[in-house]
Every structure is written in structure tokens, then in C-alpha cells.
Amino acid sequence: MTLLTDIDRYLRRTGMPETKFGRLAVRDPRLVHDLRRGRVPGPSICARVAAMLEQR
């Protein structure tokens, strides 16, 4: 799975808006939008997102 796929599943399951997810995970409300447009996250962003996905 890709990071964006995992995030999308999480968002559908929880009903959380993209901006809130980005804010909570990495303090960047545009994270999901930017990932959809091709942004390549670094290892620290990936780790923080993975922690967020496991947490809830």
C-alpha cells in the first residue's frame, strides 16, 4: 500500500477531513492535498503519518 492509500482509508473510516488529518499528523493542513498532487514525503513525515494511522 502507498501512504496516500492508507491515509484515504483512514479518512473514510473515521470521517475526518483531510486538513484536520494533516494538522494533527504533521502540522500541515495541506499535506493530503499536496500528496495527491505529487508531493514526495520524507522519512520523518512518513513516520509521523504512520504513527497517526496506528494511533486511532
PDB file of N, CA and C in Angstrom:
ATOM      1  N   MET A   1       0.835  -1.190   0.000  1.00  0.00           N
ATOM      2  CA  MET A   1       0.000   0.000   0.000  1.00  0.00           C
ATOM      3  C   MET A   1       0.880   1.256   0.000  1.00  0.00           C
ATOM      4  N   THR A   2       0.330   2.286  -0.542  1.00  0.00           N
ATOM      5  CA  THR A   2       1.045   3.549  -0.504  1.00  0.00           C
ATOM      6  C   THR A   2       0.559   4.366   0.691  1.00  0.00           C
ATOM      7  N   LEU A   3       1.330   5.334   1.043  1.00  0.00           N
ATOM      8  CA  LEU A   3       0.974   6.199   2.164  1.00  0.00           C
ATOM      9  C   LEU A   3      -0.367   6.883   1.909  1.00  0.00           C
ATOM     10  N   LEU A   4      -0.561   7.386   0.724  1.00  0.00           N
ATOM     11  CA  LEU A   4      -1.806   8.084   0.400  1.00  0.00           C
ATOM     12  C   LEU A   4      -3.010   7.138   0.463  1.00  0.00           C
ATOM     13  N   THR A   5      -2.847   5.916   0.010  1.00  0.00           N
ATOM     14  CA  THR A   5      -3.930   4.929   0.093  1.00  0.00           C
ATOM     15  C   THR A   5      -4.300   4.664   1.545  1.00  0.00           C
ATOM     16  N   ASP A   6      -3.296   4.513   2.393  1.00  0.00           N
ATOM     17  CA  ASP A   6      -3.558   4.286   3.815  1.00  0.00           C
ATOM     18  C   ASP A   6      -4.263   5.484   4.446  1.00  0.00           C
ATOM     19  N   ILE A   7      -3.843   6.667   4.076  1.00  0.00           N
ATOM     20  CA  ILE A   7      -4.488   7.881   4.601  1.00  0.00           C
ATOM     21  C   ILE A   7      -5.938   7.941   4.131  1.00  0.00           C
ATOM     22  N   ASP A   8      -6.178   7.671   2.851  1.00  0.00           N
ATOM     23  CA  ASP A   8      -7.546   7.703   2.318  1.00  0.00           C
ATOM     24  C   ASP A   8      -8.452   6.720   3.052  1.00  0.00           C
ATOM     25  N   ARG A   9      -7.965   5.529   3.306  1.00  0.00           N
ATOM     26  CA  ARG A   9      -8.762   4.542   4.051  1.00  0.00           C
ATOM     27  C   ARG A   9      -9.076   5.047   5.449  1.00  0.00           C
ATOM     28  N   TYR A  10      -8.090   5.625   6.087  1.00  0.00           N
ATOM     29  CA  TYR A  10      -8.280   6.169   7.429  1.00  0.00           C
ATOM     30  C   TYR A  10      -9.330   7.276   7.418  1.00  0.00           C
ATOM     31  N   LEU A  11      -9.234   8.164   6.455  1.00  0.00           N
ATOM     32  CA  LEU A  11     -10.180   9.279   6.360  1.00  0.00           C
ATOM     33  C   LEU A  11     -11.603   8.783   6.125  1.00  0.00           C
ATOM     34  N   ARG A  12     -11.759   7.792   5.264  1.00  0.00           N
ATOM     35  CA  ARG A  12     -13.094   7.238   5.015  1.00  0.00           C
ATOM     36  C   ARG A  12     -13.645   6.565   6.270  1.00  0.00           C
ATOM     37  N   ARG A  13     -12.787   5.808   6.948  1.00  0.00           N
ATOM     38  CA  ARG A  13     -13.219   5.072   8.137  1.00  0.00           C
ATOM     39  C   ARG A  13     -13.617   6.006   9.271  1.00  0.00           C
ATOM     40  N   THR A  14     -12.867   7.084   9.455  1.00  0.00           N
ATOM     41  CA  THR A  14     -13.105   7.976  10.591  1.00  0.00           C
ATOM     42  C   THR A  14     -13.987   9.170  10.253  1.00  0.00           C
ATOM     43  N   GLY A  15     -14.093   9.496   8.972  1.00  0.00           N
ATOM     44  CA  GLY A  15     -14.853  10.681   8.582  1.00  0.00           C
ATOM     45  C   GLY A  15     -14.114  11.984   8.859  1.00  0.00           C
ATOM     46  N   MET A  16     -12.827  11.891   9.112  1.00  0.00           N
ATOM     47  CA  MET A  16     -12.009  13.075   9.412  1.00  0.00           C
ATOM     48  C   MET A  16     -11.686  13.840   8.122  1.00  0.00           C
ATOM     49  N   PRO A  17     -11.785  15.159   8.158  1.00  0.00           N
ATOM     50  CA  PRO A  17     -11.394  15.955   6.988  1.00  0.00           C
ATOM     51  C   PRO A  17      -9.873  15.868   6.735  1.00  0.00           C
ATOM     52  N   GLU A  18      -9.500  15.993   5.473  1.00  0.00           N
ATOM     53  CA  GLU A  18      -8.081  15.937   5.092  1.00  0.00           C
ATOM     54  C   GLU A  18      -7.246  16.960   5.847  1.00  0.00           C
ATOM     55  N   THR A  19      -7.773  18.164   5.956  1.00  0.00           N
ATOM     56  CA  THR A  19      -7.000  19.239   6.588  1.00  0.00           C
ATOM     57  C   THR A  19      -6.747  18.952   8.065  1.00  0.00           C
ATOM     58  N   LYS A  20      -7.734  18.391   8.727  1.00  0.00           N
ATOM     59  CA  LYS A  20      -7.549  18.070  10.144  1.00  0.00           C
ATOM     60  C   LYS A  20      -6.511  16.967  10.300  1.00  0.00           C
ATOM     61  N   PHE A  21      -6.558  15.968   9.442  1.00  0.00           N
ATOM     62  CA  PHE A  21      -5.576  14.894   9.494  1.00  0.00           C
ATOM     63  C   PHE A  21      -4.161  15.454   9.352  1.00  0.00           C
ATOM     64  N   GLY A  22      -3.956  16.281   8.332  1.00  0.00           N
ATOM     65  CA  GLY A  22      -2.632  16.862   8.114  1.00  0.00           C
ATOM     66  C   GLY A  22      -2.165  17.700   9.290  1.00  0.00           C
ATOM     67  N   ARG A  23      -3.093  18.456   9.860  1.00  0.00           N
ATOM     68  CA  ARG A  23      -2.756  19.296  11.013  1.00  0.00           C
ATOM     69  C   ARG A  23      -2.344  18.447  12.211  1.00  0.00           C
ATOM     70  N   LEU A  24      -3.116  17.409  12.482  1.00  0.00           N
ATOM     71  CA  LEU A  24      -2.820  16.552  13.632  1.00  0.00           C
ATOM     72  C   LEU A  24      -1.553  15.724  13.420  1.00  0.00           C
ATOM     73  N   ALA A  25      -1.365  15.227  12.213  1.00  0.00           N
ATOM     74  CA  ALA A  25      -0.234  14.335  11.945  1.00  0.00           C
ATOM     75  C   ALA A  25       1.092  15.079  11.853  1.00  0.00           C
ATOM     76  N   VAL A  26       1.116  16.161  11.081  1.00  0.00           N
ATOM     77  CA  VAL A  26       2.403  16.819  10.814  1.00  0.00           C
ATOM     78  C   VAL A  26       2.335  18.338  10.856  1.00  0.00           C
ATOM     79  N   ARG A  27       1.249  18.867  11.403  1.00  0.00           N
ATOM     80  CA  ARG A  27       1.058  20.323  11.493  1.00  0.00           C
ATOM     81  C   ARG A  27       1.053  21.005  10.128  1.00  0.00           C
ATOM     82  N   ASP A  28       0.493  20.293   9.134  1.00  0.00           N
ATOM     83  CA  ASP A  28       0.409  20.836   7.780  1.00  0.00           C
ATOM     84  C   ASP A  28      -0.966  20.501   7.202  1.00  0.00           C
ATOM     85  N   PRO A  29      -1.893  21.439   7.237  1.00  0.00           N
ATOM     86  CA  PRO A  29      -3.239  21.141   6.749  1.00  0.00           C
ATOM     87  C   PRO A  29      -3.308  20.816   5.260  1.00  0.00           C
ATOM     88  N   ARG A  30      -2.280  21.134   4.508  1.00  0.00           N
ATOM     89  CA  ARG A  30      -2.272  20.853   3.065  1.00  0.00           C
ATOM     90  C   ARG A  30      -1.592  19.526   2.718  1.00  0.00           C
ATOM     91  N   LEU A  31      -1.204  18.770   3.709  1.00  0.00           N
ATOM     92  CA  LEU A  31      -0.453  17.526   3.470  1.00  0.00           C
ATOM     93  C   LEU A  31      -1.143  16.610   2.464  1.00  0.00           C
ATOM     94  N   VAL A  32      -2.383  16.231   2.713  1.00  0.00           N
ATOM     95  CA  VAL A  32      -3.075  15.264   1.847  1.00  0.00           C
ATOM     96  C   VAL A  32      -3.256  15.849   0.450  1.00  0.00           C
ATOM     97  N   HIS A  33      -3.646  17.105   0.384  1.00  0.00           N
ATOM     98  CA  HIS A  33      -3.798  17.768  -0.918  1.00  0.00           C
ATOM     99  C   HIS A  33      -2.476  17.726  -1.691  1.00  0.00           C
ATOM    100  N   ASP A  34      -1.405  18.064  -1.025  1.00  0.00           N
ATOM    101  CA  ASP A  34      -0.095  18.069  -1.682  1.00  0.00           C
ATOM    102  C   ASP A  34       0.346  16.663  -2.094  1.00  0.00           C
ATOM    103  N   LEU A  35       0.051  15.658  -1.279  1.00  0.00           N
ATOM    104  CA  LEU A  35       0.386  14.277  -1.647  1.00  0.00           C
ATOM    105  C   LEU A  35      -0.364  13.870  -2.911  1.00  0.00           C
ATOM    106  N   ARG A  36      -1.620  14.275  -3.010  1.00  0.00           N
ATOM    107  CA  ARG A  36      -2.410  13.958  -4.208  1.00  0.00           C
ATOM    108  C   ARG A  36      -1.823  14.626  -5.450  1.00  0.00           C
ATOM    109  N   ARG A  37      -1.156  15.736  -5.271  1.00  0.00           N
ATOM    110  CA  ARG A  37      -0.575  16.467  -6.407  1.00  0.00           C
ATOM    111  C   ARG A  37       0.881  16.078  -6.666  1.00  0.00           C
ATOM    112  N   GLY A  38       1.378  15.040  -5.964  1.00  0.00           N
ATOM    113  CA  GLY A  38       2.709  14.529  -6.277  1.00  0.00           C
ATOM    114  C   GLY A  38       3.795  14.800  -5.251  1.00  0.00           C
ATOM    115  N   ARG A  39       3.457  15.444  -4.160  1.00  0.00           N
ATOM    116  CA  ARG A  39       4.472  15.698  -3.125  1.00  0.00           C
ATOM    117  C   ARG A  39       5.052  14.367  -2.648  1.00  0.00           C
ATOM    118  N   VAL A  40       6.365  14.317  -2.508  1.00  0.00           N
ATOM    119  CA  VAL A  40       7.040  13.123  -2.015  1.00  0.00           C
ATOM    120  C   VAL A  40       7.485  13.401  -0.578  1.00  0.00           C
ATOM    121  N   PRO A  41       6.870  12.714   0.387  1.00  0.00           N
ATOM    122  CA  PRO A  41       7.210  12.980   1.782  1.00  0.00           C
ATOM    123  C   PRO A  41       8.544  12.354   2.162  1.00  0.00           C
ATOM    124  N   GLY A  42       9.230  13.021   3.059  1.00  0.00           N
ATOM    125  CA  GLY A  42      10.483  12.497   3.577  1.00  0.00           C
ATOM    126  C   GLY A  42      10.225  11.445   4.644  1.00  0.00           C
ATOM    127  N   PRO A  43      11.301  10.825   5.122  1.00  0.00           N
ATOM    128  CA  PRO A  43      11.153   9.758   6.111  1.00  0.00           C
ATOM    129  C   PRO A  43      10.499  10.216   7.419  1.00  0.00           C
ATOM    130  N   SER A  44      10.779  11.428   7.855  1.00  0.00           N
ATOM    131  CA  SER A  44      10.192  11.880   9.118  1.00  0.00           C
ATOM    132  C   SER A  44       8.684  12.104   8.976  1.00  0.00           C
ATOM    133  N   ILE A  45       8.251  12.629   7.834  1.00  0.00           N
ATOM    134  CA  ILE A  45       6.818  12.812   7.583  1.00  0.00           C
ATOM    135  C   ILE A  45       6.135  11.444   7.526  1.00  0.00           C
ATOM    136  N   CYS A  46       6.743  10.500   6.823  1.00  0.00           N
ATOM    137  CA  CYS A  46       6.172   9.154   6.725  1.00  0.00           C
ATOM    138  C   CYS A  46       6.025   8.523   8.102  1.00  0.00           C
ATOM    139  N   ALA A  47       7.031   8.691   8.940  1.00  0.00           N
ATOM    140  CA  ALA A  47       6.986   8.122  10.290  1.00  0.00           C
ATOM    141  C   ALA A  47       5.886   8.765  11.124  1.00  0.00           C
ATOM    142  N   ARG A  48       5.733  10.069  11.013  1.00  0.00           N
ATOM    143  CA  ARG A  48       4.703  10.760  11.789  1.00  0.00           C
ATOM    144  C   ARG A  48       3.305  10.387  11.310  1.00  0.00           C
ATOM    145  N   VAL A  49       3.134  10.245   9.997  1.00  0.00           N
ATOM    146  CA  VAL A  49       1.838   9.828   9.462  1.00  0.00           C
ATOM    147  C   VAL A  49       1.533   8.399   9.886  1.00  0.00           C
ATOM    148  N   ALA A  50       2.526   7.510   9.819  1.00  0.00           N
ATOM    149  CA  ALA A  50       2.326   6.122  10.222  1.00  0.00           C
ATOM    150  C   ALA A  50       1.920   6.042  11.692  1.00  0.00           C
ATOM    151  N   ALA A  51       2.537   6.853  12.512  1.00  0.00           N
ATOM    152  CA  ALA A  51       2.187   6.878  13.942  1.00  0.00           C
ATOM    153  C   ALA A  51       0.745   7.327  14.120  1.00  0.00           C
ATOM    154  N   MET A  52       0.330   8.309  13.354  1.00  0.00           N
ATOM    155  CA  MET A  52      -1.049   8.803  13.427  1.00  0.00           C
ATOM    156  C   MET A  52      -2.037   7.724  13.000  1.00  0.00           C
ATOM    157  N   LEU A  53      -1.703   6.995  11.948  1.00  0.00           N
ATOM    158  CA  LEU A  53      -2.583   5.946  11.443  1.00  0.00           C
ATOM    159  C   LEU A  53      -2.720   4.795  12.431  1.00  0.00           C
ATOM    160  N   GLU A  54      -1.667   4.493  13.160  1.00  0.00           N
ATOM    161  CA  GLU A  54      -1.687   3.405  14.143  1.00  0.00           C
ATOM    162  C   GLU A  54      -2.401   3.828  15.424  1.00  0.00           C
ATOM    163  N   GLN A  55      -2.367   5.084  15.729  1.00  0.00           N
ATOM    164  CA  GLN A  55      -2.874   5.615  16.979  1.00  0.00           C
ATOM    165  C   GLN A  55      -4.390   5.562  17.106  1.00  0.00           C
ATOM    166  N   ARG A  56      -5.102   5.716  16.027  1.00  0.00           N
ATOM    167  CA  ARG A  56      -6.558   5.816  16.105  1.00  0.00           C
ATOM    168  C   ARG A  56      -7.248   4.671  15.438  1.00  0.00           C
TER     169      ARG A  56
END
